[in-house]
Amino acid sequence: MFVAGCDLFSLDDLNSGLTEAEVVEGLKEALNVGTDTAVAQGSSLNGFFLNPEIKIPFPEEVSIVKTVVESVPGGSLLVDEFVTQLNRAAEDAA
């Protein structure tokens, strides 16, 4: 999803016939399209929940709570429902 690294280059290296302003506008448009697409995907049903790259897991800071809740009958279902609702809230906010 993210570019790990890019080689540095100058606009002279492109030899595309585009002006610097055209390249800048093209990059801005690409960023706008990418942002719109990411927001649309993230805000859809299961946009967070079924996407392992952005899914919000049960918070590690309260893992003891998870352990205790899972130890009672039906507790695992409650933990699963909590994670689902946490991700639904993120989808609604996107």
N, C-alpha and C. Protein backbone atom coordinates (compact mmCIF):
# COMPACT_ATOMS: atom_id res chain seq x y z
N MET A 1 0.82 -1.18 0.00
CA MET A 1 0.00 0.00 0.00
C MET A 1 0.87 1.26 0.00
N PHE A 2 2.02 1.20 0.64
CA PHE A 2 2.92 2.34 0.66
C PHE A 2 4.17 2.01 -0.14
N VAL A 3 4.76 3.02 -0.72
CA VAL A 3 6.00 2.84 -1.47
C VAL A 3 7.15 2.79 -0.47
N ALA A 4 7.90 1.73 -0.52
CA ALA A 4 8.99 1.56 0.43
C ALA A 4 10.14 2.51 0.15
N GLY A 5 10.36 2.82 -1.08
CA GLY A 5 11.44 3.75 -1.41
C GLY A 5 11.38 4.10 -2.88
N CYS A 6 11.94 5.21 -3.21
CA CYS A 6 11.95 5.67 -4.59
C CYS A 6 13.34 6.19 -4.92
N ASP A 7 13.74 5.95 -6.16
CA ASP A 7 14.99 6.55 -6.62
C ASP A 7 14.75 8.03 -6.85
N LEU A 8 15.73 8.83 -6.53
CA LEU A 8 15.63 10.26 -6.78
C LEU A 8 15.91 10.53 -8.25
N PHE A 9 15.16 11.43 -8.82
CA PHE A 9 15.38 11.80 -10.20
C PHE A 9 14.96 13.25 -10.39
N SER A 10 15.38 13.81 -11.49
CA SER A 10 14.96 15.16 -11.80
C SER A 10 13.97 15.09 -12.96
N LEU A 11 13.24 16.16 -13.16
CA LEU A 11 12.29 16.19 -14.27
C LEU A 11 13.00 16.06 -15.61
N ASP A 12 14.26 16.43 -15.66
CA ASP A 12 15.03 16.29 -16.90
C ASP A 12 15.20 14.83 -17.28
N ASP A 13 15.18 13.93 -16.28
CA ASP A 13 15.35 12.51 -16.53
C ASP A 13 14.14 11.90 -17.24
N LEU A 14 12.99 12.54 -17.16
CA LEU A 14 11.77 11.97 -17.70
C LEU A 14 11.70 12.03 -19.23
N ASN A 15 12.18 13.10 -19.82
CA ASN A 15 12.10 13.29 -21.27
C ASN A 15 10.72 12.99 -21.81
N SER A 16 9.70 13.39 -21.11
CA SER A 16 8.33 13.07 -21.50
C SER A 16 7.67 14.19 -22.28
N GLY A 17 8.28 15.34 -22.32
CA GLY A 17 7.66 16.47 -22.99
C GLY A 17 6.67 17.20 -22.12
N LEU A 18 6.50 16.75 -20.88
CA LEU A 18 5.58 17.41 -19.95
C LEU A 18 6.31 18.54 -19.24
N THR A 19 5.58 19.58 -18.95
CA THR A 19 6.15 20.66 -18.16
C THR A 19 6.14 20.26 -16.69
N GLU A 20 6.90 20.98 -15.90
CA GLU A 20 6.90 20.71 -14.46
C GLU A 20 5.51 20.91 -13.88
N ALA A 21 4.80 21.92 -14.34
CA ALA A 21 3.44 22.19 -13.85
C ALA A 21 2.50 21.04 -14.19
N GLU A 22 2.65 20.45 -15.38
CA GLU A 22 1.80 19.32 -15.77
C GLU A 22 2.10 18.09 -14.91
N VAL A 23 3.37 17.88 -14.63
CA VAL A 23 3.75 16.75 -13.77
C VAL A 23 3.18 16.95 -12.37
N VAL A 24 3.31 18.16 -11.84
CA VAL A 24 2.78 18.47 -10.51
C VAL A 24 1.27 18.25 -10.48
N GLU A 25 0.57 18.74 -11.48
CA GLU A 25 -0.89 18.55 -11.54
C GLU A 25 -1.26 17.08 -11.64
N GLY A 26 -0.50 16.33 -12.43
CA GLY A 26 -0.75 14.89 -12.55
C GLY A 26 -0.56 14.17 -11.23
N LEU A 27 0.49 14.53 -10.51
CA LEU A 27 0.74 13.92 -9.20
C LEU A 27 -0.36 14.28 -8.21
N LYS A 28 -0.79 15.53 -8.23
CA LYS A 28 -1.88 15.95 -7.33
C LYS A 28 -3.15 15.17 -7.64
N GLU A 29 -3.45 15.01 -8.92
CA GLU A 29 -4.66 14.27 -9.31
C GLU A 29 -4.55 12.81 -8.89
N ALA A 30 -3.37 12.21 -9.06
CA ALA A 30 -3.17 10.83 -8.63
C ALA A 30 -3.37 10.68 -7.13
N LEU A 31 -2.88 11.64 -6.36
CA LEU A 31 -3.08 11.61 -4.91
C LEU A 31 -4.55 11.77 -4.55
N ASN A 32 -5.25 12.65 -5.25
CA ASN A 32 -6.69 12.82 -5.00
C ASN A 32 -7.46 11.55 -5.29
N VAL A 33 -7.17 10.91 -6.42
CA VAL A 33 -7.86 9.67 -6.78
C VAL A 33 -7.54 8.58 -5.76
N GLY A 34 -6.27 8.47 -5.38
CA GLY A 34 -5.88 7.47 -4.39
C GLY A 34 -6.55 7.69 -3.05
N THR A 35 -6.63 8.93 -2.63
CA THR A 35 -7.29 9.26 -1.36
C THR A 35 -8.77 8.94 -1.42
N ASP A 36 -9.42 9.34 -2.51
CA ASP A 36 -10.85 9.05 -2.66
C ASP A 36 -11.11 7.55 -2.65
N THR A 37 -10.27 6.79 -3.33
CA THR A 37 -10.43 5.34 -3.39
C THR A 37 -10.23 4.72 -2.01
N ALA A 38 -9.21 5.15 -1.29
CA ALA A 38 -8.94 4.60 0.04
C ALA A 38 -10.08 4.91 1.00
N VAL A 39 -10.61 6.12 0.94
CA VAL A 39 -11.72 6.49 1.82
C VAL A 39 -12.96 5.67 1.46
N ALA A 40 -13.23 5.51 0.17
CA ALA A 40 -14.39 4.73 -0.25
C ALA A 40 -14.28 3.28 0.21
N GLN A 41 -13.10 2.71 0.08
CA GLN A 41 -12.91 1.32 0.51
C GLN A 41 -12.98 1.19 2.02
N GLY A 42 -12.35 2.09 2.74
CA GLY A 42 -12.33 2.03 4.19
C GLY A 42 -13.69 2.28 4.81
N SER A 43 -14.48 3.12 4.18
CA SER A 43 -15.78 3.47 4.76
C SER A 43 -16.89 2.50 4.38
N SER A 44 -16.60 1.53 3.51
CA SER A 44 -17.62 0.56 3.14
C SER A 44 -17.71 -0.53 4.22
N LEU A 45 -18.82 -1.27 4.21
CA LEU A 45 -19.01 -2.37 5.16
C LEU A 45 -17.85 -3.35 5.02
N ASN A 46 -17.22 -3.68 6.12
CA ASN A 46 -16.05 -4.55 6.18
C ASN A 46 -14.79 -3.93 5.57
N GLY A 47 -14.84 -2.63 5.30
CA GLY A 47 -13.68 -1.95 4.74
C GLY A 47 -12.47 -2.02 5.65
N PHE A 48 -12.68 -1.94 6.95
CA PHE A 48 -11.59 -2.12 7.92
C PHE A 48 -11.54 -3.58 8.36
N PHE A 49 -12.69 -4.13 8.72
CA PHE A 49 -12.76 -5.44 9.37
C PHE A 49 -12.14 -6.56 8.53
N LEU A 50 -12.37 -6.57 7.22
CA LEU A 50 -11.84 -7.64 6.38
C LEU A 50 -10.55 -7.28 5.65
N ASN A 51 -9.97 -6.15 5.98
CA ASN A 51 -8.72 -5.74 5.36
C ASN A 51 -7.60 -5.87 6.39
N PRO A 52 -6.78 -6.91 6.29
CA PRO A 52 -5.75 -7.13 7.31
C PRO A 52 -4.74 -6.00 7.44
N GLU A 53 -4.63 -5.16 6.41
CA GLU A 53 -3.67 -4.05 6.48
C GLU A 53 -4.14 -2.93 7.39
N ILE A 54 -5.46 -2.79 7.56
CA ILE A 54 -5.97 -1.68 8.38
C ILE A 54 -6.93 -2.14 9.48
N LYS A 55 -7.19 -3.45 9.57
CA LYS A 55 -8.09 -3.95 10.61
C LYS A 55 -7.56 -3.57 11.99
N ILE A 56 -8.47 -3.14 12.85
CA ILE A 56 -8.09 -2.76 14.21
C ILE A 56 -8.29 -3.98 15.11
N PRO A 57 -7.22 -4.52 15.68
CA PRO A 57 -7.34 -5.69 16.55
C PRO A 57 -7.76 -5.30 17.96
N PHE A 58 -7.98 -6.30 18.79
CA PHE A 58 -8.25 -6.04 20.20
C PHE A 58 -7.03 -5.33 20.78
N PRO A 59 -7.22 -4.25 21.51
CA PRO A 59 -6.08 -3.47 22.02
C PRO A 59 -5.18 -4.29 22.96
N GLU A 60 -3.90 -4.31 22.66
CA GLU A 60 -2.93 -5.03 23.49
C GLU A 60 -2.89 -4.50 24.92
N GLU A 61 -3.17 -3.20 25.08
CA GLU A 61 -3.08 -2.58 26.40
C GLU A 61 -4.07 -3.20 27.40
N VAL A 62 -5.12 -3.82 26.91
CA VAL A 62 -6.12 -4.42 27.79
C VAL A 62 -6.26 -5.92 27.50
N SER A 63 -5.14 -6.55 27.14
CA SER A 63 -5.18 -7.98 26.81
C SER A 63 -5.60 -8.83 28.00
N ILE A 64 -5.35 -8.37 29.22
CA ILE A 64 -5.79 -9.12 30.40
C ILE A 64 -7.30 -9.20 30.44
N VAL A 65 -7.97 -8.14 30.02
CA VAL A 65 -9.44 -8.14 29.96
C VAL A 65 -9.90 -9.19 28.96
N LYS A 66 -9.24 -9.24 27.83
CA LYS A 66 -9.58 -10.22 26.79
C LYS A 66 -9.44 -11.64 27.34
N THR A 67 -8.35 -11.89 28.02
CA THR A 67 -8.09 -13.22 28.59
C THR A 67 -9.18 -13.62 29.57
N VAL A 68 -9.56 -12.70 30.45
CA VAL A 68 -10.59 -12.99 31.46
C VAL A 68 -11.94 -13.22 30.79
N VAL A 69 -12.31 -12.35 29.86
CA VAL A 69 -13.61 -12.48 29.18
C VAL A 69 -13.67 -13.78 28.40
N GLU A 70 -12.58 -14.14 27.72
CA GLU A 70 -12.57 -15.38 26.93
C GLU A 70 -12.64 -16.63 27.80
N SER A 71 -12.34 -16.50 29.08
CA SER A 71 -12.35 -17.67 29.97
C SER A 71 -13.76 -18.07 30.40
N VAL A 72 -14.74 -17.20 30.20
CA VAL A 72 -16.12 -17.53 30.57
C VAL A 72 -16.86 -18.04 29.33
N PRO A 73 -17.86 -18.89 29.53
CA PRO A 73 -18.63 -19.39 28.38
C PRO A 73 -19.23 -18.25 27.57
N GLY A 74 -19.02 -18.29 26.28
CA GLY A 74 -19.53 -17.25 25.39
C GLY A 74 -18.66 -16.01 25.34
N GLY A 75 -17.61 -15.99 26.11
CA GLY A 75 -16.74 -14.82 26.17
C GLY A 75 -16.02 -14.52 24.86
N SER A 76 -15.63 -15.57 24.16
CA SER A 76 -14.95 -15.37 22.87
C SER A 76 -15.85 -14.65 21.88
N LEU A 77 -17.14 -14.96 21.94
CA LEU A 77 -18.09 -14.27 21.06
C LEU A 77 -18.16 -12.78 21.39
N LEU A 78 -18.10 -12.46 22.68
CA LEU A 78 -18.11 -11.05 23.09
C LEU A 78 -16.86 -10.32 22.61
N VAL A 79 -15.72 -10.97 22.71
CA VAL A 79 -14.48 -10.37 22.23
C VAL A 79 -14.55 -10.15 20.72
N ASP A 80 -15.03 -11.16 20.00
CA ASP A 80 -15.17 -11.04 18.55
C ASP A 80 -16.12 -9.90 18.19
N GLU A 81 -17.23 -9.79 18.91
CA GLU A 81 -18.20 -8.73 18.64
C GLU A 81 -17.60 -7.35 18.94
N PHE A 82 -16.79 -7.27 19.99
CA PHE A 82 -16.12 -6.00 20.31
C PHE A 82 -15.21 -5.56 19.17
N VAL A 83 -14.41 -6.49 18.65
CA VAL A 83 -13.49 -6.17 17.55
C VAL A 83 -14.29 -5.78 16.31
N THR A 84 -15.37 -6.48 16.05
CA THR A 84 -16.23 -6.13 14.91
C THR A 84 -16.76 -4.72 15.06
N GLN A 85 -17.29 -4.39 16.24
CA GLN A 85 -17.87 -3.06 16.45
C GLN A 85 -16.80 -1.97 16.43
N LEU A 86 -15.62 -2.27 16.91
CA LEU A 86 -14.51 -1.32 16.85
C LEU A 86 -14.19 -0.97 15.40
N ASN A 87 -14.17 -1.97 14.55
CA ASN A 87 -13.90 -1.74 13.13
C ASN A 87 -15.08 -1.09 12.42
N ARG A 88 -16.30 -1.39 12.84
CA ARG A 88 -17.48 -0.72 12.26
C ARG A 88 -17.44 0.78 12.57
N ALA A 89 -17.00 1.11 13.77
CA ALA A 89 -16.88 2.53 14.13
C ALA A 89 -15.85 3.22 13.25
N ALA A 90 -14.74 2.54 12.97
CA ALA A 90 -13.72 3.11 12.08
C ALA A 90 -14.27 3.28 10.67
N GLU A 91 -15.05 2.31 10.21
CA GLU A 91 -15.66 2.41 8.88
C GLU A 91 -16.63 3.58 8.80
N ASP A 92 -17.39 3.77 9.86
CA ASP A 92 -18.33 4.90 9.90
C ASP A 92 -17.60 6.24 9.93
N ALA A 93 -16.44 6.26 10.59
CA ALA A 93 -15.69 7.51 10.71
C ALA A 93 -14.91 7.86 9.44
N ALA A 94 -14.64 6.85 8.62
CA ALA A 94 -13.82 7.08 7.40
C ALA A 94 -14.58 7.86 6.36
